[in-house]
């Protein structure tokens, strides 16, 4: 999977987390940690780690204008938290949504930088 595909997959995860949190609040239920939460979190935590590693390498080489290593750290930490938090109805809505919006913004900025770099390479 390319770095661009991983970015798009992580954007999908952001939407899934928001939808899941809304659903858990509406259903007023608690998940089974080992059946629901852990497998999902493990899968996407691994994807995040792979994305971060590739992103650091890409930023080092491409030197995009609006993407920096500190953003990669912040995104990875935030997503690892809200992926798990999305399963729990007691997660505070405002901070949860702001974390997701921040992650989406960073991922979209990253995608734009990847597209700009690809366009430069095509010339």
C-alpha atoms as a PDB file:
ATOM      1  CA  UNK A   1       0.000   0.000   0.000  1.00  0.00           C
ATOM      2  CA  UNK A   2       1.413   3.396  -0.984  1.00  0.00           C
ATOM      3  CA  UNK A   3       1.756   6.338   1.369  1.00  0.00           C
ATOM      4  CA  UNK A   4      -1.140   8.065  -0.392  1.00  0.00           C
ATOM      5  CA  UNK A   5      -3.371   4.998   0.036  1.00  0.00           C
ATOM      6  CA  UNK A   6      -2.468   4.837   3.717  1.00  0.00           C
ATOM      7  CA  UNK A   7      -3.445   8.492   4.126  1.00  0.00           C
ATOM      8  CA  UNK A   8      -6.804   7.815   2.485  1.00  0.00           C
ATOM      9  CA  UNK A   9      -7.331   4.720   4.650  1.00  0.00           C
ATOM     10  CA  UNK A  10      -6.595   6.756   7.784  1.00  0.00           C
ATOM     11  CA  UNK A  11      -9.104   9.394   6.665  1.00  0.00           C
ATOM     12  CA  UNK A  12     -11.680   6.610   6.397  1.00  0.00           C
ATOM     13  CA  UNK A  13     -10.771   5.476   9.922  1.00  0.00           C
ATOM     14  CA  UNK A  14     -11.427   9.011  11.199  1.00  0.00           C
ATOM     15  CA  UNK A  15     -14.953   8.902   9.761  1.00  0.00           C
ATOM     16  CA  UNK A  16     -15.533   5.386  11.128  1.00  0.00           C
ATOM     17  CA  UNK A  17     -14.480   6.514  14.604  1.00  0.00           C
ATOM     18  CA  UNK A  18     -16.864   9.467  14.540  1.00  0.00           C
ATOM     19  CA  UNK A  19     -19.726   7.288  13.299  1.00  0.00           C
ATOM     20  CA  UNK A  20     -18.976   4.547  15.839  1.00  0.00           C
ATOM     21  CA  UNK A  21     -18.911   6.979  18.749  1.00  0.00           C
ATOM     22  CA  UNK A  22     -22.274   8.400  17.707  1.00  0.00           C
ATOM     23  CA  UNK A  23     -23.688   4.882  17.392  1.00  0.00           C
ATOM     24  CA  UNK A  24     -22.369   3.793  20.804  1.00  0.00           C
ATOM     25  CA  UNK A  25     -23.972   6.838  22.422  1.00  0.00           C
ATOM     26  CA  UNK A  26     -27.287   6.187  20.682  1.00  0.00           C
ATOM     27  CA  UNK A  27     -27.285   2.478  21.560  1.00  0.00           C
ATOM     28  CA  UNK A  28     -26.069   3.214  25.088  1.00  0.00           C
ATOM     29  CA  UNK A  29     -23.849   0.147  25.164  1.00  0.00           C
ATOM     30  CA  UNK A  30     -20.343  -0.765  26.185  1.00  0.00           C
ATOM     31  CA  UNK A  31     -18.138  -2.811  23.853  1.00  0.00           C
ATOM     32  CA  UNK A  32     -16.377  -6.053  24.640  1.00  0.00           C
ATOM     33  CA  UNK A  33     -12.753  -4.964  24.809  1.00  0.00           C
ATOM     34  CA  UNK A  34     -11.154  -8.186  23.563  1.00  0.00           C
ATOM     35  CA  UNK A  35     -13.717  -8.906  20.841  1.00  0.00           C
ATOM     36  CA  UNK A  36     -14.380  -5.420  19.448  1.00  0.00           C
ATOM     37  CA  UNK A  37     -11.877  -2.827  20.633  1.00  0.00           C
ATOM     38  CA  UNK A  38      -8.516  -4.603  20.719  1.00  0.00           C
ATOM     39  CA  UNK A  39      -8.598  -6.236  17.248  1.00  0.00           C
ATOM     40  CA  UNK A  40      -9.680  -2.962  15.603  1.00  0.00           C
ATOM     41  CA  UNK A  41      -7.167  -0.886  17.533  1.00  0.00           C
ATOM     42  CA  UNK A  42      -4.305  -3.309  16.874  1.00  0.00           C
ATOM     43  CA  UNK A  43      -4.993  -3.288  13.129  1.00  0.00           C
ATOM     44  CA  UNK A  44      -5.000   0.486  12.824  1.00  0.00           C
ATOM     45  CA  UNK A  45      -2.229   1.114  15.331  1.00  0.00           C
ATOM     46  CA  UNK A  46      -0.014  -1.022  13.097  1.00  0.00           C
ATOM     47  CA  UNK A  47      -1.134   0.920  10.025  1.00  0.00           C
ATOM     48  CA  UNK A  48      -0.401   4.187  11.852  1.00  0.00           C
ATOM     49  CA  UNK A  49       3.088   3.012  12.774  1.00  0.00           C
ATOM     50  CA  UNK A  50       3.792   2.037   9.163  1.00  0.00           C
ATOM     51  CA  UNK A  51       2.383   5.346   7.910  1.00  0.00           C
ATOM     52  CA  UNK A  52       4.493   7.327  10.388  1.00  0.00           C
ATOM     53  CA  UNK A  53       7.699   5.517   9.450  1.00  0.00           C
ATOM     54  CA  UNK A  54       7.119   6.069   5.729  1.00  0.00           C
ATOM     55  CA  UNK A  55       6.023   9.656   6.341  1.00  0.00           C
ATOM     56  CA  UNK A  56       9.197  10.554   8.247  1.00  0.00           C
ATOM     57  CA  UNK A  57      11.292   9.173   5.393  1.00  0.00           C
ATOM     58  CA  UNK A  58       9.228  11.006   2.771  1.00  0.00           C
ATOM     59  CA  UNK A  59       9.326  14.347   4.633  1.00  0.00           C
ATOM     60  CA  UNK A  60      13.088  14.037   5.032  1.00  0.00           C
ATOM     61  CA  UNK A  61      13.559  13.580   1.277  1.00  0.00           C
ATOM     62  CA  UNK A  62      10.765  15.715  -0.223  1.00  0.00           C
ATOM     63  CA  UNK A  63      10.878  18.556   2.342  1.00  0.00           C
ATOM     64  CA  UNK A  64       7.251  19.634   1.767  1.00  0.00           C
ATOM     65  CA  UNK A  65       6.377  23.194   2.739  1.00  0.00           C
ATOM     66  CA  UNK A  66       3.460  22.508   5.094  1.00  0.00           C
ATOM     67  CA  UNK A  67       4.228  19.072   6.541  1.00  0.00           C
ATOM     68  CA  UNK A  68       6.642  18.547   9.427  1.00  0.00           C
ATOM     69  CA  UNK A  69       7.713  15.603  11.609  1.00  0.00           C
ATOM     70  CA  UNK A  70       6.006  17.086  14.683  1.00  0.00           C
ATOM     71  CA  UNK A  71       2.665  16.810  12.856  1.00  0.00           C
ATOM     72  CA  UNK A  72       3.309  13.135  12.186  1.00  0.00           C
ATOM     73  CA  UNK A  73       3.935  12.584  15.920  1.00  0.00           C
ATOM     74  CA  UNK A  74       0.814  14.507  16.926  1.00  0.00           C
ATOM     75  CA  UNK A  75      -1.389  12.722  14.398  1.00  0.00           C
ATOM     76  CA  UNK A  76      -0.139   9.286  15.387  1.00  0.00           C
ATOM     77  CA  UNK A  77      -0.668   9.922  19.108  1.00  0.00           C
ATOM     78  CA  UNK A  78      -4.110  11.478  18.627  1.00  0.00           C
ATOM     79  CA  UNK A  79      -5.372   8.743  16.322  1.00  0.00           C
ATOM     80  CA  UNK A  80      -4.170   5.949  18.598  1.00  0.00           C
ATOM     81  CA  UNK A  81      -6.192   7.560  21.380  1.00  0.00           C
ATOM     82  CA  UNK A  82      -9.389   8.335  19.534  1.00  0.00           C
ATOM     83  CA  UNK A  83      -9.491   4.962  17.785  1.00  0.00           C
ATOM     84  CA  UNK A  84      -9.919   3.359  21.204  1.00  0.00           C
ATOM     85  CA  UNK A  85     -12.057   6.178  22.623  1.00  0.00           C
ATOM     86  CA  UNK A  86     -14.529   5.866  19.745  1.00  0.00           C
ATOM     87  CA  UNK A  87     -15.862   2.638  21.270  1.00  0.00           C
ATOM     88  CA  UNK A  88     -16.854   4.263  24.556  1.00  0.00           C
ATOM     89  CA  UNK A  89     -20.003   6.317  24.946  1.00  0.00           C
ATOM     90  CA  UNK A  90     -18.573   8.252  27.907  1.00  0.00           C
ATOM     91  CA  UNK A  91     -15.829   9.809  25.786  1.00  0.00           C
ATOM     92  CA  UNK A  92     -16.285  13.589  25.862  1.00  0.00           C
ATOM     93  CA  UNK A  93     -17.745  14.664  22.535  1.00  0.00           C
ATOM     94  CA  UNK A  94     -16.120  18.076  22.033  1.00  0.00           C
ATOM     95  CA  UNK A  95     -12.476  17.052  22.507  1.00  0.00           C
ATOM     96  CA  UNK A  96     -13.072  13.792  20.648  1.00  0.00           C
ATOM     97  CA  UNK A  97     -14.487  15.576  17.586  1.00  0.00           C
ATOM     98  CA  UNK A  98     -11.735  18.217  17.663  1.00  0.00           C
ATOM     99  CA  UNK A  99      -9.077  15.488  17.702  1.00  0.00           C
ATOM    100  CA  UNK A 100     -10.648  13.826  14.682  1.00  0.00           C
ATOM    101  CA  UNK A 101     -10.993  17.110  12.787  1.00  0.00           C
ATOM    102  CA  UNK A 102      -7.338  17.910  13.509  1.00  0.00           C
ATOM    103  CA  UNK A 103      -6.249  14.482  12.248  1.00  0.00           C
ATOM    104  CA  UNK A 104      -8.357  14.884   9.102  1.00  0.00           C
ATOM    105  CA  UNK A 105      -6.838  18.305   8.431  1.00  0.00           C
ATOM    106  CA  UNK A 106      -3.298  16.964   8.826  1.00  0.00           C
ATOM    107  CA  UNK A 107      -4.004  13.970   6.581  1.00  0.00           C
ATOM    108  CA  UNK A 108      -5.546  16.189   3.884  1.00  0.00           C
ATOM    109  CA  UNK A 109      -2.556  18.559   4.078  1.00  0.00           C
ATOM    110  CA  UNK A 110      -0.290  15.540   3.739  1.00  0.00           C
ATOM    111  CA  UNK A 111      -2.245  14.272   0.710  1.00  0.00           C
ATOM    112  CA  UNK A 112      -1.980  17.704  -0.919  1.00  0.00           C
ATOM    113  CA  UNK A 113       1.786  17.692  -0.354  1.00  0.00           C
ATOM    114  CA  UNK A 114       2.055  14.201  -1.854  1.00  0.00           C
ATOM    115  CA  UNK A 115       0.058  15.304  -4.906  1.00  0.00           C
ATOM    116  CA  UNK A 116       2.198  18.434  -5.341  1.00  0.00           C
ATOM    117  CA  UNK A 117       5.354  16.339  -5.158  1.00  0.00           C
ATOM    118  CA  UNK A 118       3.945  13.877  -7.711  1.00  0.00           C
ATOM    119  CA  UNK A 119       3.064  16.767 -10.021  1.00  0.00           C
ATOM    120  CA  UNK A 120       6.655  18.082  -9.740  1.00  0.00           C
ATOM    121  CA  UNK A 121       7.997  14.642 -10.588  1.00  0.00           C
ATOM    122  CA  UNK A 122       5.770  14.420 -13.672  1.00  0.00           C
ATOM    123  CA  UNK A 123       7.224  17.626 -15.178  1.00  0.00           C
END
